């Protein structure tokens, strides 16, 4: 398993790579989509207040993801997804 410092270093290395040929994205209305979405309300429930604020700014303003919050966001999304899916319906499990 990858340690937190190794993961953080990997995320920082990837985040610092130059991006070419990409234009800034338009702001996204994330609450437009369906019920099974990591929405604004879900973010506020599962993420620390400052992390949720930073992530929402990233999404709404089309900014690059801050590597400092990436692990927290990934963990929150995983927890949210696991809570939404009954154990008996997971991929690879038998009935």
N, C-alpha and C. Protein backbone atom coordinates (compact mmCIF):
# COMPACT_ATOMS: atom_id res chain seq x y z
N UNK A 1 0.84 -1.17 0.00
CA UNK A 1 0.00 0.00 0.00
C UNK A 1 0.88 1.24 0.00
N UNK A 2 0.43 2.26 -0.67
CA UNK A 2 1.18 3.50 -0.79
C UNK A 2 1.01 4.34 0.47
N UNK A 3 2.09 4.89 1.00
CA UNK A 3 2.00 5.73 2.19
C UNK A 3 1.42 7.09 1.81
N UNK A 4 0.92 7.81 2.83
CA UNK A 4 0.34 9.13 2.57
C UNK A 4 1.36 10.09 1.96
N UNK A 5 2.62 10.04 2.44
CA UNK A 5 3.62 10.96 1.90
C UNK A 5 3.96 10.61 0.46
N UNK A 6 4.00 9.32 0.14
CA UNK A 6 4.27 8.90 -1.24
C UNK A 6 3.12 9.33 -2.14
N UNK A 7 1.89 9.16 -1.66
CA UNK A 7 0.71 9.56 -2.44
C UNK A 7 0.73 11.07 -2.66
N UNK A 8 1.04 11.82 -1.61
CA UNK A 8 1.08 13.27 -1.72
C UNK A 8 2.17 13.71 -2.70
N UNK A 9 3.32 13.07 -2.65
CA UNK A 9 4.40 13.40 -3.59
C UNK A 9 3.98 13.08 -5.02
N UNK A 10 3.30 11.95 -5.21
CA UNK A 10 2.85 11.58 -6.56
C UNK A 10 1.83 12.58 -7.09
N UNK A 11 0.89 12.97 -6.24
CA UNK A 11 -0.13 13.94 -6.65
C UNK A 11 0.52 15.28 -6.97
N UNK A 12 1.46 15.71 -6.15
CA UNK A 12 2.15 16.98 -6.40
C UNK A 12 2.93 16.94 -7.70
N UNK A 13 3.59 15.79 -7.96
CA UNK A 13 4.36 15.66 -9.21
C UNK A 13 3.44 15.74 -10.42
N UNK A 14 2.30 15.08 -10.34
CA UNK A 14 1.35 15.09 -11.46
C UNK A 14 0.75 16.49 -11.62
N UNK A 15 0.40 17.12 -10.51
CA UNK A 15 -0.22 18.44 -10.57
C UNK A 15 0.73 19.49 -11.13
N UNK A 16 2.03 19.28 -11.00
CA UNK A 16 2.99 20.27 -11.48
C UNK A 16 3.37 20.07 -12.95
N UNK A 17 2.89 19.00 -13.57
CA UNK A 17 3.21 18.76 -14.99
C UNK A 17 2.57 19.85 -15.85
N UNK A 18 3.27 20.30 -16.85
CA UNK A 18 2.69 21.33 -17.73
C UNK A 18 1.57 20.74 -18.58
N UNK A 19 0.56 21.54 -18.81
CA UNK A 19 -0.57 21.12 -19.63
C UNK A 19 -0.56 21.97 -20.88
N UNK A 20 -0.61 21.31 -22.03
CA UNK A 20 -0.61 22.07 -23.28
C UNK A 20 -1.83 21.72 -24.10
N UNK A 21 -2.27 22.67 -24.89
CA UNK A 21 -3.38 22.45 -25.79
C UNK A 21 -4.73 22.35 -25.09
N UNK A 22 -4.81 22.84 -23.87
CA UNK A 22 -6.07 22.76 -23.13
C UNK A 22 -6.52 24.18 -22.81
N UNK A 23 -7.75 24.46 -23.14
CA UNK A 23 -8.28 25.78 -22.79
C UNK A 23 -9.02 25.67 -21.46
N UNK A 24 -9.22 26.82 -20.82
CA UNK A 24 -9.93 26.81 -19.55
C UNK A 24 -11.35 26.33 -19.77
N UNK A 25 -11.83 25.55 -18.80
CA UNK A 25 -13.19 25.03 -18.91
C UNK A 25 -14.19 26.06 -18.41
N UNK A 26 -15.39 25.94 -18.90
CA UNK A 26 -16.45 26.81 -18.44
C UNK A 26 -16.93 26.34 -17.08
N UNK A 27 -17.46 27.22 -16.26
CA UNK A 27 -18.00 26.81 -14.97
C UNK A 27 -19.08 25.74 -15.16
N UNK A 28 -19.16 24.82 -14.22
CA UNK A 28 -20.09 23.70 -14.32
C UNK A 28 -21.17 23.84 -13.27
N UNK A 29 -22.40 23.59 -13.66
CA UNK A 29 -23.51 23.55 -12.70
C UNK A 29 -23.64 22.11 -12.22
N UNK A 30 -22.98 21.79 -11.11
CA UNK A 30 -22.91 20.39 -10.70
C UNK A 30 -24.21 19.85 -10.13
N UNK A 31 -25.13 20.69 -9.71
CA UNK A 31 -26.39 20.20 -9.16
C UNK A 31 -27.42 19.89 -10.25
N UNK A 32 -27.04 20.05 -11.49
CA UNK A 32 -27.91 19.77 -12.62
C UNK A 32 -28.11 18.28 -12.82
N UNK A 33 -27.13 17.49 -12.45
CA UNK A 33 -27.13 16.06 -12.72
C UNK A 33 -27.99 15.29 -11.73
N UNK A 34 -28.05 13.96 -11.89
CA UNK A 34 -28.93 13.09 -11.13
C UNK A 34 -28.61 12.94 -9.65
N UNK A 35 -29.35 12.05 -9.02
CA UNK A 35 -29.25 11.84 -7.58
C UNK A 35 -27.95 11.16 -7.16
N UNK A 36 -27.39 10.33 -8.00
CA UNK A 36 -26.17 9.60 -7.65
C UNK A 36 -24.93 10.38 -8.05
N UNK A 37 -24.86 11.62 -7.56
CA UNK A 37 -23.76 12.53 -7.90
C UNK A 37 -23.19 13.11 -6.61
N UNK A 38 -21.88 13.26 -6.57
CA UNK A 38 -21.22 13.89 -5.43
C UNK A 38 -21.47 15.39 -5.54
N UNK A 39 -22.68 15.80 -5.16
CA UNK A 39 -23.17 17.16 -5.35
C UNK A 39 -22.63 18.13 -4.31
N UNK A 40 -23.03 19.38 -4.45
CA UNK A 40 -22.62 20.41 -3.50
C UNK A 40 -23.03 20.04 -2.08
N UNK A 41 -24.27 19.57 -1.92
CA UNK A 41 -24.74 19.20 -0.58
C UNK A 41 -23.93 18.04 -0.02
N UNK A 42 -23.61 17.06 -0.87
CA UNK A 42 -22.82 15.90 -0.45
C UNK A 42 -21.41 16.35 -0.06
N UNK A 43 -20.82 17.22 -0.85
CA UNK A 43 -19.48 17.73 -0.54
C UNK A 43 -19.46 18.38 0.83
N UNK A 44 -20.48 19.20 1.10
CA UNK A 44 -20.53 19.90 2.37
C UNK A 44 -20.71 18.94 3.54
N UNK A 45 -21.35 17.82 3.29
CA UNK A 45 -21.57 16.83 4.35
C UNK A 45 -20.31 16.00 4.62
N UNK A 46 -19.58 15.62 3.57
CA UNK A 46 -18.46 14.68 3.70
C UNK A 46 -17.08 15.32 3.78
N UNK A 47 -16.97 16.58 3.43
CA UNK A 47 -15.66 17.24 3.42
C UNK A 47 -15.58 18.29 4.52
N UNK A 48 -14.37 18.53 5.06
CA UNK A 48 -14.20 19.66 5.96
C UNK A 48 -14.59 20.95 5.23
N UNK A 49 -15.08 21.93 5.96
CA UNK A 49 -15.61 23.16 5.37
C UNK A 49 -14.63 23.82 4.39
N UNK A 50 -13.37 23.98 4.80
CA UNK A 50 -12.38 24.63 3.93
C UNK A 50 -12.11 23.82 2.68
N UNK A 51 -12.07 22.49 2.82
CA UNK A 51 -11.83 21.62 1.66
C UNK A 51 -12.99 21.71 0.68
N UNK A 52 -14.22 21.68 1.21
CA UNK A 52 -15.40 21.80 0.34
C UNK A 52 -15.38 23.13 -0.40
N UNK A 53 -15.04 24.20 0.30
CA UNK A 53 -14.99 25.53 -0.32
C UNK A 53 -13.95 25.58 -1.44
N UNK A 54 -12.78 25.00 -1.19
CA UNK A 54 -11.72 24.97 -2.20
C UNK A 54 -12.14 24.14 -3.40
N UNK A 55 -12.75 22.97 -3.15
CA UNK A 55 -13.19 22.11 -4.25
C UNK A 55 -14.27 22.78 -5.07
N UNK A 56 -15.23 23.41 -4.41
CA UNK A 56 -16.30 24.10 -5.14
C UNK A 56 -15.74 25.24 -6.00
N UNK A 57 -14.76 25.97 -5.48
CA UNK A 57 -14.11 27.03 -6.27
C UNK A 57 -13.41 26.43 -7.48
N UNK A 58 -12.77 25.30 -7.27
CA UNK A 58 -12.08 24.61 -8.37
C UNK A 58 -13.07 24.26 -9.47
N UNK A 59 -14.20 23.69 -9.08
CA UNK A 59 -15.21 23.26 -10.07
C UNK A 59 -15.86 24.46 -10.73
N UNK A 60 -16.32 25.41 -9.93
CA UNK A 60 -17.07 26.54 -10.47
C UNK A 60 -16.23 27.50 -11.29
N UNK A 61 -14.95 27.66 -10.92
CA UNK A 61 -14.10 28.61 -11.63
C UNK A 61 -13.20 27.94 -12.67
N UNK A 62 -13.29 26.61 -12.80
CA UNK A 62 -12.48 25.90 -13.78
C UNK A 62 -11.00 25.91 -13.44
N UNK A 63 -10.67 25.94 -12.13
CA UNK A 63 -9.28 25.97 -11.69
C UNK A 63 -8.70 24.56 -11.59
N UNK A 64 -7.39 24.42 -11.62
CA UNK A 64 -6.77 23.11 -11.41
C UNK A 64 -7.04 22.62 -9.99
N UNK A 65 -7.11 21.30 -9.84
CA UNK A 65 -7.33 20.72 -8.52
C UNK A 65 -6.11 20.95 -7.64
N UNK A 66 -6.34 21.46 -6.45
CA UNK A 66 -5.28 21.69 -5.48
C UNK A 66 -4.82 20.34 -4.93
N UNK A 67 -3.56 20.00 -5.11
CA UNK A 67 -3.03 18.71 -4.67
C UNK A 67 -3.17 18.53 -3.16
N UNK A 68 -3.21 19.62 -2.40
CA UNK A 68 -3.33 19.53 -0.95
C UNK A 68 -4.66 18.94 -0.49
N UNK A 69 -5.71 19.04 -1.32
CA UNK A 69 -7.02 18.53 -0.91
C UNK A 69 -7.39 17.23 -1.63
N UNK A 70 -6.59 16.80 -2.58
CA UNK A 70 -6.95 15.64 -3.41
C UNK A 70 -7.21 14.37 -2.59
N UNK A 71 -6.38 14.09 -1.60
CA UNK A 71 -6.56 12.87 -0.80
C UNK A 71 -7.85 12.95 0.02
N UNK A 72 -8.16 14.12 0.58
CA UNK A 72 -9.40 14.28 1.34
C UNK A 72 -10.62 14.10 0.45
N UNK A 73 -10.56 14.66 -0.74
CA UNK A 73 -11.67 14.54 -1.69
C UNK A 73 -11.85 13.08 -2.10
N UNK A 74 -10.77 12.39 -2.42
CA UNK A 74 -10.86 10.99 -2.81
C UNK A 74 -11.45 10.15 -1.69
N UNK A 75 -11.01 10.38 -0.46
CA UNK A 75 -11.53 9.62 0.68
C UNK A 75 -13.02 9.89 0.89
N UNK A 76 -13.42 11.15 0.81
CA UNK A 76 -14.83 11.50 1.00
C UNK A 76 -15.70 10.88 -0.08
N UNK A 77 -15.23 10.91 -1.32
CA UNK A 77 -15.99 10.32 -2.42
C UNK A 77 -16.12 8.81 -2.24
N UNK A 78 -15.07 8.17 -1.78
CA UNK A 78 -15.11 6.73 -1.54
C UNK A 78 -16.11 6.41 -0.43
N UNK A 79 -16.05 7.15 0.68
CA UNK A 79 -16.98 6.91 1.79
C UNK A 79 -18.42 7.10 1.33
N UNK A 80 -18.68 8.16 0.60
CA UNK A 80 -20.02 8.44 0.09
C UNK A 80 -20.49 7.30 -0.80
N UNK A 81 -19.65 6.85 -1.71
CA UNK A 81 -20.03 5.78 -2.63
C UNK A 81 -20.29 4.48 -1.89
N UNK A 82 -19.45 4.14 -0.94
CA UNK A 82 -19.63 2.90 -0.18
C UNK A 82 -20.92 2.92 0.63
N UNK A 83 -21.28 4.07 1.15
CA UNK A 83 -22.52 4.18 1.92
C UNK A 83 -23.76 4.08 1.04
N UNK A 84 -23.64 4.41 -0.21
CA UNK A 84 -24.78 4.38 -1.14
C UNK A 84 -25.01 3.01 -1.75
N UNK A 85 -24.03 2.17 -1.72
CA UNK A 85 -24.13 0.89 -2.42
C UNK A 85 -24.21 -0.26 -1.42
N UNK A 86 -25.30 -1.01 -1.45
CA UNK A 86 -25.41 -2.16 -0.54
C UNK A 86 -24.30 -3.17 -0.82
N UNK A 87 -23.81 -3.82 0.21
CA UNK A 87 -22.73 -4.78 0.07
C UNK A 87 -23.06 -5.90 -0.90
N UNK A 88 -24.30 -6.28 -1.02
CA UNK A 88 -24.68 -7.41 -1.88
C UNK A 88 -24.67 -7.08 -3.35
N UNK A 89 -24.57 -5.80 -3.72
CA UNK A 89 -24.61 -5.45 -5.14
C UNK A 89 -23.26 -5.00 -5.68
N UNK A 90 -22.21 -5.07 -4.88
CA UNK A 90 -20.89 -4.64 -5.36
C UNK A 90 -20.42 -5.54 -6.48
N UNK A 91 -19.66 -4.96 -7.38
CA UNK A 91 -19.09 -5.69 -8.50
C UNK A 91 -18.23 -6.83 -7.99
N UNK A 92 -18.46 -8.00 -8.55
CA UNK A 92 -17.63 -9.15 -8.20
C UNK A 92 -18.16 -9.96 -7.03
N UNK A 93 -19.18 -9.47 -6.33
CA UNK A 93 -19.73 -10.24 -5.23
C UNK A 93 -20.81 -11.17 -5.74
N UNK A 94 -20.97 -12.26 -5.08
CA UNK A 94 -22.01 -13.19 -5.49
C UNK A 94 -23.24 -13.02 -4.60
N UNK A 95 -24.42 -13.28 -5.16
CA UNK A 95 -25.67 -13.06 -4.41
C UNK A 95 -25.82 -14.00 -3.22
